[in-house]
């Protein structure tokens, strides 16, 4: 049986298990109304077709079915101050994510202090990492503003680095006349161990292993009474490279530092969102074949969502990604190496439509007009010189939850 057929059989099997779980949940009836525990899930299938380049599968001039998401999640409150939660996720996304079934997160949240307005606690386990407005819920299609999150900020080809990791996160919140304030601070061991991540940070899939060693994260969030959210996130993640026996790279290290500023304003039927990030990636110790260096990037997006009918929503977004602030056009890279200049930038215009057919069933359509390839998945486009600067992409998604 081929790998793709195995993938599809695994997907069907997990879908069947989730269907059985849904039936079991229905049979329990009102017991799931008890907020001390709950089991819920979702399944989504996305069709992708693109011109000139591939995205999350073989999508160039054909329709790809390689983007599948299925999840089963739950939480339990054994004590008033303790919540246990987790999610099992099946995800296939072209060559960038072939892991299939995995434990997405599993955490224990102990609130060691709480009163009428203030809570202090700590999350332990494989914890969700606070990063921007959408990272902690990005795996659930219904919580995303579009089929794809803004790739300028939430890169799918390196999602494992920031999605969740073994560690501990301290958190606190307080609610008063000025709104709700949330703060987090934590340490974790990030997951750099995937081919897609190696391509992003090392330029190719190397024979050795890139292992995450530590990550520090902190965030501040203010939900003001004016239906405005301000958020500031900082991430400092490190990884070490262990060369193989026959490897032209030496034992080196990677460091990623992100400062992400987010703002969202909600009106009656319109939501405006912007996020701005200046990541700094540095490498050292790899030897002459991969010299030490520091690269400062610049990424941001502006987004508008309009709920023009209770069941229909329109989203429009422009997102910008410059992988090198000192070479935004990519001309220096091209002159020095001969590589295509469009590898260093992306300007993406997005328009999408969401239809909530029922509370459980959602259909979406989305169109991207793209200039540049800085966030194009490398494993889906192994021949860099065959990629093209200007390309378009259409997506259709059906998602169900229970």
Foldseek 3Di string as FASTA:
>chain_A
DDLVVVLVVLVVVVVVVLVVVVVVQVVVPCVQVPVQKHKKKKKKWKWKAKDLFDWQAPRHRHIDRQWIKIKIKMWHNPDPFKIWIWMWMATGGHPLDSPGIDTQWIWMWGFPDDDPFKTKIKIFGFDAADDPDPLQPVRACVPAPANDHQCLGCFPSQNQQHGTFGWMKIKMWGQDQFAIKIKIKIKGFTACFDQSSCCLQVVGRFPWGKGWDMKIKMKIWGCGPQRKIKMKIKMKTKIWTDHDPPGLWFTKMKIKIKIKIKMWGDDDFKIKIKMKMWMKMWMDRGPPVRHTDIAIKIKMKIKMWGCPDVFKIKMKMKIKIFRHPVLRQQPVVCVVPVFDSLLGIKIKIKIKMWGCPDVFKIKMKMKIWMFGCNSGRCVSPVPRVSGDGTMMMIMIMIMGMD
